[in-house]
């Protein structure tokens, strides 16, 4: 797979939080997210809404593999 086909988005790990904390994250410009799958523990993340929207508006997210850089680990 070439670099042109892969999009990297930076993310940070976060603790599970209540609704008030989620609202606070969104107000600060972050998106609370969760990665989940069969046979794996859920991973709670925070993404930069600015970075995500830049990729979304460019159309990069619809036809490419998304690689998450979570606290320095891919």
Protein backbone atom coordinates (compact mmCIF):
# COMPACT_ATOMS: atom_id res chain seq x y z
CA UNK A 1 0.00 0.00 0.00
CA UNK A 2 1.44 3.39 -0.96
CA UNK A 3 1.45 6.52 1.19
CA UNK A 4 -1.13 8.08 -1.16
CA UNK A 5 -3.67 5.43 -0.18
CA UNK A 6 -3.18 5.83 3.57
CA UNK A 7 -4.39 8.71 5.74
CA UNK A 8 -2.90 9.21 9.22
CA UNK A 9 -4.90 10.87 11.99
CA UNK A 10 -3.37 11.68 15.38
CA UNK A 11 -5.28 10.62 18.49
CA UNK A 12 -4.76 10.45 22.24
CA UNK A 13 -5.98 7.84 24.71
CA UNK A 14 -8.65 9.03 27.16
CA UNK A 15 -10.47 7.70 30.18
CA UNK A 16 -14.13 6.78 29.94
CA UNK A 17 -15.98 9.91 30.90
CA UNK A 18 -19.43 11.22 31.66
CA UNK A 19 -21.55 13.40 29.37
CA UNK A 20 -20.29 16.65 30.95
CA UNK A 21 -16.70 15.71 30.13
CA UNK A 22 -17.65 14.83 26.55
CA UNK A 23 -19.29 18.23 26.17
CA UNK A 24 -16.15 19.87 27.55
CA UNK A 25 -13.95 17.97 25.05
CA UNK A 26 -16.14 19.04 22.13
CA UNK A 27 -16.14 22.64 23.33
CA UNK A 28 -12.31 22.56 23.36
CA UNK A 29 -12.23 21.30 19.74
CA UNK A 30 -11.88 17.55 20.24
CA UNK A 31 -13.94 14.56 19.16
CA UNK A 32 -14.43 11.72 21.66
CA UNK A 33 -14.16 8.38 19.83
CA UNK A 34 -14.10 4.64 20.52
CA UNK A 35 -12.46 1.82 18.57
CA UNK A 36 -14.05 -1.53 19.14
CA UNK A 37 -14.11 -4.95 17.54
CA UNK A 38 -14.82 -8.58 18.18
CA UNK A 39 -12.21 -10.14 20.45
CA UNK A 40 -10.60 -6.82 21.41
CA UNK A 41 -11.05 -4.42 24.30
CA UNK A 42 -12.57 -1.04 23.52
CA UNK A 43 -10.09 1.82 23.13
CA UNK A 44 -11.33 5.30 24.10
CA UNK A 45 -9.72 8.11 22.12
CA UNK A 46 -9.76 11.85 21.58
CA UNK A 47 -9.24 13.28 18.07
CA UNK A 48 -8.62 16.86 17.00
CA UNK A 49 -11.81 18.01 15.28
CA UNK A 50 -9.78 20.46 13.16
CA UNK A 51 -7.51 17.69 11.86
CA UNK A 52 -10.41 15.29 11.31
CA UNK A 53 -12.52 17.85 9.43
CA UNK A 54 -9.55 18.77 7.21
CA UNK A 55 -9.27 15.11 6.12
CA UNK A 56 -13.05 14.71 5.84
CA UNK A 57 -13.53 17.79 3.63
CA UNK A 58 -10.68 16.73 1.35
CA UNK A 59 -12.45 13.41 0.74
CA UNK A 60 -9.48 11.45 2.07
CA UNK A 61 -11.47 9.41 4.58
CA UNK A 62 -13.92 7.78 2.18
CA UNK A 63 -11.58 5.87 -0.12
CA UNK A 64 -8.41 5.35 1.89
CA UNK A 65 -7.11 3.28 4.75
CA UNK A 66 -7.08 5.32 7.96
CA UNK A 67 -4.08 4.81 10.21
CA UNK A 68 -4.37 6.14 13.74
CA UNK A 69 -1.31 7.49 15.50
CA UNK A 70 -2.35 6.94 19.14
CA UNK A 71 0.02 8.65 21.53
CA UNK A 72 2.94 7.91 19.21
CA UNK A 73 1.94 4.29 18.41
CA UNK A 74 0.47 3.38 15.03
